[in-house]
Every structure is written in structure tokens, then in C-alpha cells.
PDB file of N, CA and C in Angstrom:
ATOM      1  N   MET A   1       0.854  -1.170   0.000  1.00  0.00           N
ATOM      2  CA  MET A   1       0.000   0.000   0.000  1.00  0.00           C
ATOM      3  C   MET A   1       0.902   1.235   0.000  1.00  0.00           C
ATOM      4  N   ARG A   2       0.609   2.123  -0.884  1.00  0.00           N
ATOM      5  CA  ARG A   2       1.352   3.379  -0.961  1.00  0.00           C
ATOM      6  C   ARG A   2       0.802   4.349   0.081  1.00  0.00           C
ATOM      7  N   THR A   3       1.680   5.154   0.673  1.00  0.00           N
ATOM      8  CA  THR A   3       1.283   6.166   1.647  1.00  0.00           C
ATOM      9  C   THR A   3       1.686   7.533   1.117  1.00  0.00           C
ATOM     10  N   VAL A   4       0.731   8.473   1.123  1.00  0.00           N
ATOM     11  CA  VAL A   4       1.023   9.832   0.654  1.00  0.00           C
ATOM     12  C   VAL A   4       0.440  10.839   1.635  1.00  0.00           C
ATOM     13  N   ALA A   5       1.094  11.981   1.730  1.00  0.00           N
ATOM     14  CA  ALA A   5       0.600  13.072   2.572  1.00  0.00           C
ATOM     15  C   ALA A   5      -0.560  13.777   1.866  1.00  0.00           C
ATOM     16  N   VAL A   6      -1.380  14.459   2.636  1.00  0.00           N
ATOM     17  CA  VAL A   6      -2.539  15.161   2.084  1.00  0.00           C
ATOM     18  C   VAL A   6      -2.120  16.126   0.978  1.00  0.00           C
ATOM     19  N   VAL A   7      -1.051  16.866   1.194  1.00  0.00           N
ATOM     20  CA  VAL A   7      -0.598  17.839   0.196  1.00  0.00           C
ATOM     21  C   VAL A   7      -0.268  17.140  -1.121  1.00  0.00           C
ATOM     22  N   GLU A   8       0.430  16.018  -1.039  1.00  0.00           N
ATOM     23  CA  GLU A   8       0.769  15.257  -2.243  1.00  0.00           C
ATOM     24  C   GLU A   8      -0.491  14.682  -2.888  1.00  0.00           C
ATOM     25  N   ALA A   9      -1.412  14.188  -2.061  1.00  0.00           N
ATOM     26  CA  ALA A   9      -2.659  13.619  -2.587  1.00  0.00           C
ATOM     27  C   ALA A   9      -3.450  14.670  -3.356  1.00  0.00           C
ATOM     28  N   LYS A  10      -3.483  15.899  -2.830  1.00  0.00           N
ATOM     29  CA  LYS A  10      -4.212  16.965  -3.511  1.00  0.00           C
ATOM     30  C   LYS A  10      -3.600  17.281  -4.866  1.00  0.00           C
ATOM     31  N   SER A  11      -2.281  17.299  -4.928  1.00  0.00           N
ATOM     32  CA  SER A  11      -1.630  17.686  -6.176  1.00  0.00           C
ATOM     33  C   SER A  11      -1.576  16.548  -7.199  1.00  0.00           C
ATOM     34  N   GLN A  12      -1.723  15.294  -6.732  1.00  0.00           N
ATOM     35  CA  GLN A  12      -1.619  14.146  -7.643  1.00  0.00           C
ATOM     36  C   GLN A  12      -2.868  13.269  -7.602  1.00  0.00           C
ATOM     37  N   PHE A  13      -4.009  13.869  -7.363  1.00  0.00           N
ATOM     38  CA  PHE A  13      -5.234  13.101  -7.177  1.00  0.00           C
ATOM     39  C   PHE A  13      -5.560  12.222  -8.381  1.00  0.00           C
ATOM     40  N   SER A  14      -5.454  12.748  -9.583  1.00  0.00           N
ATOM     41  CA  SER A  14      -5.769  11.954 -10.783  1.00  0.00           C
ATOM     42  C   SER A  14      -4.860  10.745 -10.902  1.00  0.00           C
ATOM     43  N   ALA A  15      -3.570  10.930 -10.624  1.00  0.00           N
ATOM     44  CA  ALA A  15      -2.623   9.814 -10.693  1.00  0.00           C
ATOM     45  C   ALA A  15      -2.933   8.780  -9.612  1.00  0.00           C
ATOM     46  N   LEU A  16      -3.326   9.242  -8.429  1.00  0.00           N
ATOM     47  CA  LEU A  16      -3.684   8.304  -7.360  1.00  0.00           C
ATOM     48  C   LEU A  16      -4.931   7.502  -7.740  1.00  0.00           C
ATOM     49  N   LEU A  17      -5.909   8.159  -8.342  1.00  0.00           N
ATOM     50  CA  LEU A  17      -7.110   7.443  -8.787  1.00  0.00           C
ATOM     51  C   LEU A  17      -6.764   6.402  -9.842  1.00  0.00           C
ATOM     52  N   ALA A  18      -5.842   6.725 -10.734  1.00  0.00           N
ATOM     53  CA  ALA A  18      -5.423   5.759 -11.749  1.00  0.00           C
ATOM     54  C   ALA A  18      -4.762   4.552 -11.087  1.00  0.00           C
ATOM     55  N   ALA A  19      -3.954   4.792 -10.056  1.00  0.00           N
ATOM     56  CA  ALA A  19      -3.306   3.696  -9.330  1.00  0.00           C
ATOM     57  C   ALA A  19      -4.343   2.823  -8.638  1.00  0.00           C
ATOM     58  N   VAL A  20      -5.354   3.456  -8.049  1.00  0.00           N
ATOM     59  CA  VAL A  20      -6.417   2.709  -7.367  1.00  0.00           C
ATOM     60  C   VAL A  20      -7.222   1.906  -8.378  1.00  0.00           C
ATOM     61  N   GLU A  21      -7.499   2.481  -9.531  1.00  0.00           N
ATOM     62  CA  GLU A  21      -8.198   1.734 -10.585  1.00  0.00           C
ATOM     63  C   GLU A  21      -7.401   0.514 -11.005  1.00  0.00           C
ATOM     64  N   GLY A  22      -6.084   0.601 -10.888  1.00  0.00           N
ATOM     65  CA  GLY A  22      -5.215  -0.517 -11.222  1.00  0.00           C
ATOM     66  C   GLY A  22      -5.090  -1.543 -10.108  1.00  0.00           C
ATOM     67  N   GLY A  23      -5.803  -1.332  -9.019  1.00  0.00           N
ATOM     68  CA  GLY A  23      -5.818  -2.310  -7.938  1.00  0.00           C
ATOM     69  C   GLY A  23      -5.004  -1.935  -6.714  1.00  0.00           C
ATOM     70  N   GLU A  24      -4.307  -0.822  -6.753  1.00  0.00           N
ATOM     71  CA  GLU A  24      -3.463  -0.408  -5.623  1.00  0.00           C
ATOM     72  C   GLU A  24      -4.300   0.274  -4.542  1.00  0.00           C
ATOM     73  N   GLU A  25      -3.894   0.139  -3.287  1.00  0.00           N
ATOM     74  CA  GLU A  25      -4.504   0.866  -2.181  1.00  0.00           C
ATOM     75  C   GLU A  25      -3.579   1.999  -1.787  1.00  0.00           C
ATOM     76  N   VAL A  26      -4.160   3.157  -1.439  1.00  0.00           N
ATOM     77  CA  VAL A  26      -3.371   4.336  -1.086  1.00  0.00           C
ATOM     78  C   VAL A  26      -3.846   4.851   0.269  1.00  0.00           C
ATOM     79  N   ALA A  27      -2.910   5.001   1.202  1.00  0.00           N
ATOM     80  CA  ALA A  27      -3.220   5.586   2.503  1.00  0.00           C
ATOM     81  C   ALA A  27      -2.852   7.060   2.446  1.00  0.00           C
ATOM     82  N   ILE A  28      -3.748   7.920   2.927  1.00  0.00           N
ATOM     83  CA  ILE A  28      -3.503   9.360   2.938  1.00  0.00           C
ATOM     84  C   ILE A  28      -3.245   9.771   4.382  1.00  0.00           C
ATOM     85  N   THR A  29      -2.134  10.471   4.588  1.00  0.00           N
ATOM     86  CA  THR A  29      -1.739  10.833   5.946  1.00  0.00           C
ATOM     87  C   THR A  29      -1.774  12.346   6.159  1.00  0.00           C
ATOM     88  N   ARG A  30      -2.003  12.714   7.405  1.00  0.00           N
ATOM     89  CA  ARG A  30      -1.894  14.098   7.842  1.00  0.00           C
ATOM     90  C   ARG A  30      -1.009  14.077   9.086  1.00  0.00           C
ATOM     91  N   ARG A  31       0.082  14.786   9.035  1.00  0.00           N
ATOM     92  CA  ARG A  31       1.053  14.817  10.124  1.00  0.00           C
ATOM     93  C   ARG A  31       1.523  13.416  10.502  1.00  0.00           C
ATOM     94  N   GLY A  32       1.705  12.572   9.487  1.00  0.00           N
ATOM     95  CA  GLY A  32       2.232  11.234   9.705  1.00  0.00           C
ATOM     96  C   GLY A  32       1.220  10.194  10.160  1.00  0.00           C
ATOM     97  N   ARG A  33      -0.038  10.581  10.300  1.00  0.00           N
ATOM     98  CA  ARG A  33      -1.078   9.660  10.764  1.00  0.00           C
ATOM     99  C   ARG A  33      -2.088   9.409   9.640  1.00  0.00           C
ATOM    100  N   VAL A  34      -2.424   8.145   9.404  1.00  0.00           N
ATOM    101  CA  VAL A  34      -3.374   7.812   8.329  1.00  0.00           C
ATOM    102  C   VAL A  34      -4.757   8.349   8.698  1.00  0.00           C
ATOM    103  N   VAL A  35      -5.324   9.131   7.780  1.00  0.00           N
ATOM    104  CA  VAL A  35      -6.659   9.686   7.997  1.00  0.00           C
ATOM    105  C   VAL A  35      -7.681   9.144   7.000  1.00  0.00           C
ATOM    106  N   ALA A  36      -7.204   8.527   5.911  1.00  0.00           N
ATOM    107  CA  ALA A  36      -8.127   7.977   4.904  1.00  0.00           C
ATOM    108  C   ALA A  36      -7.379   6.958   4.053  1.00  0.00           C
ATOM    109  N   ARG A  37      -8.173   6.117   3.389  1.00  0.00           N
ATOM    110  CA  ARG A  37      -7.607   5.148   2.451  1.00  0.00           C
ATOM    111  C   ARG A  37      -8.424   5.181   1.176  1.00  0.00           C
ATOM    112  N   LEU A  38      -7.731   5.153   0.059  1.00  0.00           N
ATOM    113  CA  LEU A  38      -8.379   4.994  -1.243  1.00  0.00           C
ATOM    114  C   LEU A  38      -8.213   3.533  -1.620  1.00  0.00           C
ATOM    115  N   VAL A  39      -9.310   2.850  -1.859  1.00  0.00           N
ATOM    116  CA  VAL A  39      -9.269   1.431  -2.206  1.00  0.00           C
ATOM    117  C   VAL A  39     -10.112   1.207  -3.446  1.00  0.00           C
ATOM    118  N   PRO A  40      -9.747   0.206  -4.251  1.00  0.00           N
ATOM    119  CA  PRO A  40     -10.550  -0.087  -5.442  1.00  0.00           C
ATOM    120  C   PRO A  40     -11.971  -0.477  -5.055  1.00  0.00           C
ATOM    121  N   ASP A  41     -12.916  -0.053  -5.846  1.00  0.00           N
ATOM    122  CA  ASP A  41     -14.310  -0.413  -5.618  1.00  0.00           C
ATOM    123  C   ASP A  41     -14.524  -1.841  -6.097  1.00  0.00           C
ATOM    124  N   THR A  42     -15.065  -2.665  -5.231  1.00  0.00           N
ATOM    125  CA  THR A  42     -15.343  -4.048  -5.604  1.00  0.00           C
ATOM    126  C   THR A  42     -16.778  -4.379  -5.266  1.00  0.00           C
ATOM    127  N   THR A  43     -17.361  -5.225  -6.061  1.00  0.00           N
ATOM    128  CA  THR A  43     -18.707  -5.691  -5.785  1.00  0.00           C
ATOM    129  C   THR A  43     -18.603  -6.774  -4.729  1.00  0.00           C
ATOM    130  N   ARG A  44     -19.362  -6.603  -3.648  1.00  0.00           N
ATOM    131  CA  ARG A  44     -19.325  -7.593  -2.576  1.00  0.00           C
ATOM    132  C   ARG A  44     -20.737  -8.091  -2.314  1.00  0.00           C
ATOM    133  N   SER A  45     -20.844  -9.379  -2.094  1.00  0.00           N
ATOM    134  CA  SER A  45     -22.140  -9.953  -1.761  1.00  0.00           C
ATOM    135  C   SER A  45     -22.336  -9.883  -0.251  1.00  0.00           C
ATOM    136  N   ALA A  46     -23.550 -10.082   0.191  1.00  0.00           N
ATOM    137  CA  ALA A  46     -23.824 -10.102   1.627  1.00  0.00           C
ATOM    138  C   ALA A  46     -23.002 -11.190   2.306  1.00  0.00           C
ATOM    139  N   ALA A  47     -22.816 -12.317   1.632  1.00  0.00           N
ATOM    140  CA  ALA A  47     -22.017 -13.403   2.201  1.00  0.00           C
ATOM    141  C   ALA A  47     -20.579 -12.946   2.434  1.00  0.00           C
ATOM    142  N   ASP A  48     -20.025 -12.150   1.520  1.00  0.00           N
ATOM    143  CA  ASP A  48     -18.668 -11.633   1.695  1.00  0.00           C
ATOM    144  C   ASP A  48     -18.590 -10.690   2.891  1.00  0.00           C
ATOM    145  N   VAL A  49     -19.592  -9.859   3.050  1.00  0.00           N
ATOM    146  CA  VAL A  49     -19.588  -8.876   4.128  1.00  0.00           C
ATOM    147  C   VAL A  49     -19.702  -9.551   5.494  1.00  0.00           C
ATOM    148  N   PHE A  50     -20.577 -10.557   5.609  1.00  0.00           N
ATOM    149  CA  PHE A  50     -20.828 -11.176   6.909  1.00  0.00           C
ATOM    150  C   PHE A  50     -19.957 -12.392   7.211  1.00  0.00           C
ATOM    151  N   ARG A  51     -19.154 -12.849   6.245  1.00  0.00           N
ATOM    152  CA  ARG A  51     -18.314 -14.030   6.444  1.00  0.00           C
ATOM    153  C   ARG A  51     -17.457 -13.940   7.708  1.00  0.00           C
ATOM    154  N   PRO A  52     -16.801 -12.814   8.014  1.00  0.00           N
ATOM    155  CA  PRO A  52     -16.009 -12.753   9.248  1.00  0.00           C
ATOM    156  C   PRO A  52     -16.860 -12.976  10.508  1.00  0.00           C
ATOM    157  N   CYS A  53     -18.082 -12.501  10.506  1.00  0.00           N
ATOM    158  CA  CYS A  53     -18.963 -12.712  11.673  1.00  0.00           C
ATOM    159  C   CYS A  53     -19.288 -14.189  11.831  1.00  0.00           C
ATOM    160  N   TRP A  54     -19.572 -14.865  10.732  1.00  0.00           N
ATOM    161  CA  TRP A  54     -19.916 -16.279  10.799  1.00  0.00           C
ATOM    162  C   TRP A  54     -18.722 -17.103  11.237  1.00  0.00           C
ATOM    163  N   GLN A  55     -17.540 -16.758  10.748  1.00  0.00           N
ATOM    164  CA  GLN A  55     -16.344 -17.521  11.079  1.00  0.00           C
ATOM    165  C   GLN A  55     -15.965 -17.348  12.546  1.00  0.00           C
ATOM    166  N   GLU A  56     -16.217 -16.186  13.116  1.00  0.00           N
ATOM    167  CA  GLU A  56     -15.872 -15.923  14.506  1.00  0.00           C
ATOM    168  C   GLU A  56     -17.008 -16.290  15.453  1.00  0.00           C
ATOM    169  N   GLY A  57     -18.146 -16.648  14.935  1.00  0.00           N
ATOM    170  CA  GLY A  57     -19.281 -17.015  15.770  1.00  0.00           C
ATOM    171  C   GLY A  57     -19.913 -15.825  16.481  1.00  0.00           C
ATOM    172  N   GLY A  58     -19.691 -14.622  15.965  1.00  0.00           N
ATOM    173  CA  GLY A  58     -20.207 -13.428  16.618  1.00  0.00           C
ATOM    174  C   GLY A  58     -21.586 -13.010  16.163  1.00  0.00           C
ATOM    175  N   LEU A  59     -22.256 -13.843  15.415  1.00  0.00           N
ATOM    176  CA  LEU A  59     -23.561 -13.482  14.877  1.00  0.00           C
ATOM    177  C   LEU A  59     -24.562 -14.542  15.289  1.00  0.00           C
ATOM    178  N   ASP A  60     -25.547 -14.161  16.089  1.00  0.00           N
ATOM    179  CA  ASP A  60     -26.558 -15.099  16.563  1.00  0.00           C
ATOM    180  C   ASP A  60     -27.726 -15.066  15.582  1.00  0.00           C
ATOM    181  N   LEU A  61     -27.895 -16.132  14.831  1.00  0.00           N
ATOM    182  CA  LEU A  61     -28.941 -16.167  13.814  1.00  0.00           C
ATOM    183  C   LEU A  61     -30.164 -16.972  14.249  1.00  0.00           C
ATOM    184  N   ALA A  62     -30.276 -17.288  15.533  1.00  0.00           N
ATOM    185  CA  ALA A  62     -31.431 -18.038  16.021  1.00  0.00           C
ATOM    186  C   ALA A  62     -32.678 -17.162  15.965  1.00  0.00           C
ATOM    187  N   ALA A  63     -33.777 -17.752  15.527  1.00  0.00           N
ATOM    188  CA  ALA A  63     -35.036 -17.010  15.458  1.00  0.00           C
ATOM    189  C   ALA A  63     -35.585 -16.803  16.863  1.00  0.00           C
ATOM    190  N   PRO A  64     -36.174 -15.647  17.131  1.00  0.00           N
ATOM    191  CA  PRO A  64     -36.761 -15.406  18.450  1.00  0.00           C
ATOM    192  C   PRO A  64     -38.005 -16.274  18.637  1.00  0.00           C
ATOM    193  N   ALA A  65     -38.365 -16.509  19.880  1.00  0.00           N
ATOM    194  CA  ALA A  65     -39.575 -17.280  20.179  1.00  0.00           C
ATOM    195  C   ALA A  65     -40.796 -16.497  19.711  1.00  0.00           C
ATOM    196  N   ASP A  66     -41.790 -17.215  19.197  1.00  0.00           N
ATOM    197  CA  ASP A  66     -43.022 -16.555  18.770  1.00  0.00           C
ATOM    198  C   ASP A  66     -43.769 -16.039  19.993  1.00  0.00           C
ATOM    199  N   THR A  67     -44.355 -14.870  19.846  1.00  0.00           N
ATOM    200  CA  THR A  67     -45.169 -14.303  20.924  1.00  0.00           C
ATOM    201  C   THR A  67     -46.598 -14.188  20.434  1.00  0.00           C
ATOM    202  N   PRO A  68     -47.568 -14.292  21.337  1.00  0.00           N
ATOM    203  CA  PRO A  68     -48.962 -14.185  20.899  1.00  0.00           C
ATOM    204  C   PRO A  68     -49.257 -12.786  20.362  1.00  0.00           C
ATOM    205  N   ALA A  69     -50.195 -12.723  19.460  1.00  0.00           N
ATOM    206  CA  ALA A  69     -50.588 -11.439  18.890  1.00  0.00           C
ATOM    207  C   ALA A  69     -51.215 -10.558  19.961  1.00  0.00           C
ATOM    208  N   GLU A  70     -50.970  -9.255  19.853  1.00  0.00           N
ATOM    209  CA  GLU A  70     -51.540  -8.309  20.810  1.00  0.00           C
ATOM    210  C   GLU A  70     -52.877  -7.805  20.284  1.00  0.00           C
ATOM    211  N   PRO A  71     -53.837  -7.602  21.162  1.00  0.00           N
ATOM    212  CA  PRO A  71     -55.124  -7.084  20.700  1.00  0.00           C
ATOM    213  C   PRO A  71     -54.970  -5.641  20.218  1.00  0.00           C
ATOM    214  N   VAL A  72     -55.798  -5.305  19.213  1.00  0.00           N
ATOM    215  CA  VAL A  72     -55.769  -3.950  18.673  1.00  0.00           C
ATOM    216  C   VAL A  72     -57.049  -3.259  19.099  1.00  0.00           C
ATOM    217  N   ALA A  73     -56.929  -2.070  19.682  1.00  0.00           N
ATOM    218  CA  ALA A  73     -58.098  -1.320  20.147  1.00  0.00           C
ATOM    219  C   ALA A  73     -58.996  -0.960  18.976  1.00  0.00           C
ATOM    220  N   GLY A  74     -60.303  -1.143  19.161  1.00  0.00           N
ATOM    221  CA  GLY A  74     -61.268  -0.772  18.140  1.00  0.00           C
ATOM    222  C   GLY A  74     -61.585  -1.886  17.146  1.00  0.00           C
ATOM    223  N   TRP A  75     -60.912  -3.021  17.236  1.00  0.00           N
ATOM    224  CA  TRP A  75     -61.186  -4.150  16.350  1.00  0.00           C
ATOM    225  C   TRP A  75     -61.830  -5.242  17.175  1.00  0.00           C
ATOM    226  N   ASP A  76     -62.968  -5.677  16.758  1.00  0.00           N
ATOM    227  CA  ASP A  76     -63.666  -6.733  17.515  1.00  0.00           C
ATOM    228  C   ASP A  76     -63.461  -8.074  16.887  1.00  0.00           C
TER     229      ASP A  76
END
């Protein structure tokens, strides 16, 4: 991953976008600290997004217990 300062990113934005289109990731820093990342846009499925949760067991997918319907006022 390439790292560039904000000043450099501003002056070379088009070139950085071309690099990102080519698959490169770019970290943008301010005073030596990363404040943003430019990453290639990729199509991700829901399975891709939630895969880490499933692998770590951090997602409880159990259905809740059914509860009886509540009466609605004014309906007989």
C-alpha cells in the first residue's frame, strides 16, 4: 500500500485514482497519521460482508420465540 501526505494527494489526485483503478490501495496521511484510504471499488455480496462474523461465531442467527398477537383497540 502506498502512503502519501494530504498535500501530495491533492496535487496528484488523478494519478492516485489511476493507481487505485489498477488495484493499488493508497493511505492518505496528515502529520504522519493515516486519515483515509483509497481502495478499489469491488462488488461484494452479503455473504462476503458477513463471512467474518460467521467464522468468529459473533452473529446469533437463532429465530426469536413466537409471541402471541396483541389485541388492537377498536377491532372486535
